[in-house]
């Protein structure tokens, strides 16, 4: 089964015919999030020149949803996203959203030991490898 292609594949096994359905889990997740959160209000916030943000998925599973939600649905700049390509080894890093392991986000938020490049975003967030733990940071 080609799991990169959405659709139904039909097979016949020793116990008879069966189907395997591949679906786009991001679409289902976005639909759920839209039923919980006011996407239009979030879109307005993200489009405001007074509000900037950065999101770091630490190369975990949440990265698969980040571009679809933040960029495609909410109109944020893709440059607001860090490490959003899921990798089996988390890109050689540790997928724990804390000040030690989310170094790129910490630096971008102006919280690192060295001077940050430019003005830090107002809001920063990171998720762990399976997106059940998070960290939220403010500017400096």
C-alpha atoms as a PDB file:
ATOM      1  CA  UNK A   1       0.000   0.000   0.000  1.00  0.00           C
ATOM      2  CA  UNK A   2       1.357   3.400  -0.974  1.00  0.00           C
ATOM      3  CA  UNK A   3       0.718   5.341   2.223  1.00  0.00           C
ATOM      4  CA  UNK A   4       1.593   8.633   0.512  1.00  0.00           C
ATOM      5  CA  UNK A   5      -1.524   8.414  -1.663  1.00  0.00           C
ATOM      6  CA  UNK A   6      -4.952   9.058  -0.151  1.00  0.00           C
ATOM      7  CA  UNK A   7      -7.523   6.468  -1.190  1.00  0.00           C
ATOM      8  CA  UNK A   8      -8.760   2.923  -0.775  1.00  0.00           C
ATOM      9  CA  UNK A   9      -6.854  -0.149  -1.950  1.00  0.00           C
ATOM     10  CA  UNK A  10      -8.676  -3.468  -2.319  1.00  0.00           C
ATOM     11  CA  UNK A  11      -6.994  -6.777  -1.587  1.00  0.00           C
ATOM     12  CA  UNK A  12      -7.886 -10.432  -1.315  1.00  0.00           C
ATOM     13  CA  UNK A  13      -6.361 -12.412   1.514  1.00  0.00           C
ATOM     14  CA  UNK A  14      -6.697 -15.939   2.840  1.00  0.00           C
ATOM     15  CA  UNK A  15      -9.880 -14.940   4.655  1.00  0.00           C
ATOM     16  CA  UNK A  16     -11.405 -13.044   1.748  1.00  0.00           C
ATOM     17  CA  UNK A  17     -11.421  -9.490   0.387  1.00  0.00           C
ATOM     18  CA  UNK A  18     -10.437  -6.507   2.501  1.00  0.00           C
ATOM     19  CA  UNK A  19      -9.777  -2.790   2.026  1.00  0.00           C
ATOM     20  CA  UNK A  20      -7.009  -0.559   3.266  1.00  0.00           C
ATOM     21  CA  UNK A  21      -7.889   3.121   3.465  1.00  0.00           C
ATOM     22  CA  UNK A  22      -5.182   5.786   3.540  1.00  0.00           C
ATOM     23  CA  UNK A  23      -6.487   9.143   4.738  1.00  0.00           C
ATOM     24  CA  UNK A  24      -5.056  12.595   5.329  1.00  0.00           C
ATOM     25  CA  UNK A  25      -4.896  12.867   9.125  1.00  0.00           C
ATOM     26  CA  UNK A  26      -4.000  16.576   8.929  1.00  0.00           C
ATOM     27  CA  UNK A  27      -7.362  17.339   7.278  1.00  0.00           C
ATOM     28  CA  UNK A  28      -9.230  15.566  10.067  1.00  0.00           C
ATOM     29  CA  UNK A  29      -7.120  17.313  12.704  1.00  0.00           C
ATOM     30  CA  UNK A  30      -7.655  20.751  11.146  1.00  0.00           C
ATOM     31  CA  UNK A  31     -11.392  20.136  11.025  1.00  0.00           C
ATOM     32  CA  UNK A  32     -11.328  19.269  14.740  1.00  0.00           C
ATOM     33  CA  UNK A  33      -9.203  22.336  15.598  1.00  0.00           C
ATOM     34  CA  UNK A  34     -11.610  24.591  13.685  1.00  0.00           C
ATOM     35  CA  UNK A  35     -14.463  23.252  15.813  1.00  0.00           C
ATOM     36  CA  UNK A  36     -12.555  24.160  19.001  1.00  0.00           C
ATOM     37  CA  UNK A  37     -10.714  27.401  18.131  1.00  0.00           C
ATOM     38  CA  UNK A  38     -11.749  30.581  16.342  1.00  0.00           C
ATOM     39  CA  UNK A  39      -9.440  30.374  13.308  1.00  0.00           C
ATOM     40  CA  UNK A  40     -10.600  33.742  11.979  1.00  0.00           C
ATOM     41  CA  UNK A  41      -9.547  35.512  15.187  1.00  0.00           C
ATOM     42  CA  UNK A  42      -6.210  33.686  15.200  1.00  0.00           C
ATOM     43  CA  UNK A  43      -5.712  34.602  11.519  1.00  0.00           C
ATOM     44  CA  UNK A  44      -6.285  38.276  12.400  1.00  0.00           C
ATOM     45  CA  UNK A  45      -3.781  38.078  15.246  1.00  0.00           C
ATOM     46  CA  UNK A  46      -1.131  36.435  13.067  1.00  0.00           C
ATOM     47  CA  UNK A  47      -1.603  39.037  10.324  1.00  0.00           C
ATOM     48  CA  UNK A  48      -1.116  41.951  12.729  1.00  0.00           C
ATOM     49  CA  UNK A  49       2.242  43.729  12.296  1.00  0.00           C
ATOM     50  CA  UNK A  50       2.301  44.129  16.095  1.00  0.00           C
ATOM     51  CA  UNK A  51       2.350  40.360  16.718  1.00  0.00           C
ATOM     52  CA  UNK A  52       5.124  37.975  15.724  1.00  0.00           C
ATOM     53  CA  UNK A  53       5.584  34.351  16.677  1.00  0.00           C
ATOM     54  CA  UNK A  54       7.833  31.347  16.234  1.00  0.00           C
ATOM     55  CA  UNK A  55       6.907  27.670  16.510  1.00  0.00           C
ATOM     56  CA  UNK A  56       9.468  24.856  16.876  1.00  0.00           C
ATOM     57  CA  UNK A  57       8.312  21.267  16.326  1.00  0.00           C
ATOM     58  CA  UNK A  58      11.781  19.896  17.244  1.00  0.00           C
ATOM     59  CA  UNK A  59      11.513  17.569  14.217  1.00  0.00           C
ATOM     60  CA  UNK A  60       8.649  15.695  15.911  1.00  0.00           C
ATOM     61  CA  UNK A  61       5.230  14.683  14.643  1.00  0.00           C
ATOM     62  CA  UNK A  62       3.677  18.132  15.249  1.00  0.00           C
ATOM     63  CA  UNK A  63       5.780  19.481  12.404  1.00  0.00           C
ATOM     64  CA  UNK A  64       3.635  17.557   9.937  1.00  0.00           C
ATOM     65  CA  UNK A  65       0.685  19.709  10.971  1.00  0.00           C
ATOM     66  CA  UNK A  66       2.430  23.044  11.543  1.00  0.00           C
ATOM     67  CA  UNK A  67       2.696  24.243   7.935  1.00  0.00           C
ATOM     68  CA  UNK A  68      -0.859  23.144   7.133  1.00  0.00           C
ATOM     69  CA  UNK A  69      -2.297  24.954  10.150  1.00  0.00           C
ATOM     70  CA  UNK A  70      -0.102  28.018  10.612  1.00  0.00           C
ATOM     71  CA  UNK A  71       0.804  28.796   6.999  1.00  0.00           C
ATOM     72  CA  UNK A  72      -1.944  27.308   4.815  1.00  0.00           C
ATOM     73  CA  UNK A  73      -4.918  27.822   7.145  1.00  0.00           C
ATOM     74  CA  UNK A  74      -3.906  30.833   9.246  1.00  0.00           C
ATOM     75  CA  UNK A  75      -1.742  32.752   6.768  1.00  0.00           C
ATOM     76  CA  UNK A  76       1.435  32.931   8.855  1.00  0.00           C
ATOM     77  CA  UNK A  77       4.856  33.248   7.259  1.00  0.00           C
ATOM     78  CA  UNK A  78       6.681  29.937   6.807  1.00  0.00           C
ATOM     79  CA  UNK A  79       9.745  31.631   8.310  1.00  0.00           C
ATOM     80  CA  UNK A  80       7.869  31.517  11.646  1.00  0.00           C
ATOM     81  CA  UNK A  81       8.350  27.744  11.746  1.00  0.00           C
ATOM     82  CA  UNK A  82      11.449  25.887  12.967  1.00  0.00           C
ATOM     83  CA  UNK A  83      12.323  22.200  12.626  1.00  0.00           C
ATOM     84  CA  UNK A  84       8.948  21.204  11.214  1.00  0.00           C
ATOM     85  CA  UNK A  85      10.108  18.288   9.079  1.00  0.00           C
ATOM     86  CA  UNK A  86       9.518  15.162  11.199  1.00  0.00           C
ATOM     87  CA  UNK A  87      12.595  12.947  11.387  1.00  0.00           C
ATOM     88  CA  UNK A  88      13.001   9.527  12.941  1.00  0.00           C
ATOM     89  CA  UNK A  89      16.048  10.719  14.890  1.00  0.00           C
ATOM     90  CA  UNK A  90      14.596  14.204  15.538  1.00  0.00           C
ATOM     91  CA  UNK A  91      17.324  15.695  13.366  1.00  0.00           C
ATOM     92  CA  UNK A  92      19.993  14.518  15.793  1.00  0.00           C
ATOM     93  CA  UNK A  93      18.468  16.626  18.573  1.00  0.00           C
ATOM     94  CA  UNK A  94      16.404  15.814  21.611  1.00  0.00           C
ATOM     95  CA  UNK A  95      12.646  16.384  21.215  1.00  0.00           C
ATOM     96  CA  UNK A  96      12.106  17.844  24.683  1.00  0.00           C
ATOM     97  CA  UNK A  97      10.613  21.363  24.693  1.00  0.00           C
ATOM     98  CA  UNK A  98      12.765  23.039  27.310  1.00  0.00           C
ATOM     99  CA  UNK A  99      15.431  25.738  27.490  1.00  0.00           C
ATOM    100  CA  UNK A 100      18.216  23.169  27.039  1.00  0.00           C
ATOM    101  CA  UNK A 101      16.982  21.310  23.964  1.00  0.00           C
ATOM    102  CA  UNK A 102      14.971  23.973  22.106  1.00  0.00           C
ATOM    103  CA  UNK A 103      18.130  26.029  21.542  1.00  0.00           C
ATOM    104  CA  UNK A 104      17.063  27.554  18.212  1.00  0.00           C
ATOM    105  CA  UNK A 105      13.756  28.770  19.617  1.00  0.00           C
ATOM    106  CA  UNK A 106      15.417  30.068  22.789  1.00  0.00           C
ATOM    107  CA  UNK A 107      17.942  32.030  20.719  1.00  0.00           C
ATOM    108  CA  UNK A 108      15.278  33.403  18.379  1.00  0.00           C
ATOM    109  CA  UNK A 109      13.204  34.538  21.367  1.00  0.00           C
ATOM    110  CA  UNK A 110      16.170  36.548  22.679  1.00  0.00           C
ATOM    111  CA  UNK A 111      16.656  34.276  25.691  1.00  0.00           C
ATOM    112  CA  UNK A 112      20.031  32.775  24.754  1.00  0.00           C
ATOM    113  CA  UNK A 113      23.405  33.714  26.160  1.00  0.00           C
ATOM    114  CA  UNK A 114      24.413  35.456  22.951  1.00  0.00           C
ATOM    115  CA  UNK A 115      22.712  38.430  21.346  1.00  0.00           C
ATOM    116  CA  UNK A 116      19.726  37.478  19.206  1.00  0.00           C
ATOM    117  CA  UNK A 117      19.606  38.417  15.559  1.00  0.00           C
ATOM    118  CA  UNK A 118      17.127  41.263  15.190  1.00  0.00           C
ATOM    119  CA  UNK A 119      13.987  41.826  17.203  1.00  0.00           C
ATOM    120  CA  UNK A 120      12.659  38.612  18.822  1.00  0.00           C
ATOM    121  CA  UNK A 121       9.088  37.468  18.200  1.00  0.00           C
ATOM    122  CA  UNK A 122       6.427  38.320  20.779  1.00  0.00           C
ATOM    123  CA  UNK A 123       5.414  34.677  21.264  1.00  0.00           C
ATOM    124  CA  UNK A 124       7.248  31.373  20.929  1.00  0.00           C
ATOM    125  CA  UNK A 125       6.203  27.774  21.391  1.00  0.00           C
ATOM    126  CA  UNK A 126       7.688  24.300  21.036  1.00  0.00           C
ATOM    127  CA  UNK A 127       6.257  20.778  21.162  1.00  0.00           C
ATOM    128  CA  UNK A 128       7.963  17.529  22.075  1.00  0.00           C
ATOM    129  CA  UNK A 129       8.362  14.562  19.726  1.00  0.00           C
ATOM    130  CA  UNK A 130       4.770  13.320  19.986  1.00  0.00           C
ATOM    131  CA  UNK A 131       3.255  16.756  20.722  1.00  0.00           C
ATOM    132  CA  UNK A 132       1.868  15.991  24.163  1.00  0.00           C
ATOM    133  CA  UNK A 133       4.209  18.367  26.041  1.00  0.00           C
ATOM    134  CA  UNK A 134       4.761  21.989  25.120  1.00  0.00           C
ATOM    135  CA  UNK A 135       6.743  25.056  26.079  1.00  0.00           C
ATOM    136  CA  UNK A 136       5.572  28.648  25.622  1.00  0.00           C
ATOM    137  CA  UNK A 137       7.990  31.568  25.724  1.00  0.00           C
ATOM    138  CA  UNK A 138       7.668  35.317  25.611  1.00  0.00           C
ATOM    139  CA  UNK A 139      10.018  37.800  24.021  1.00  0.00           C
ATOM    140  CA  UNK A 140      13.243  38.059  26.051  1.00  0.00           C
END
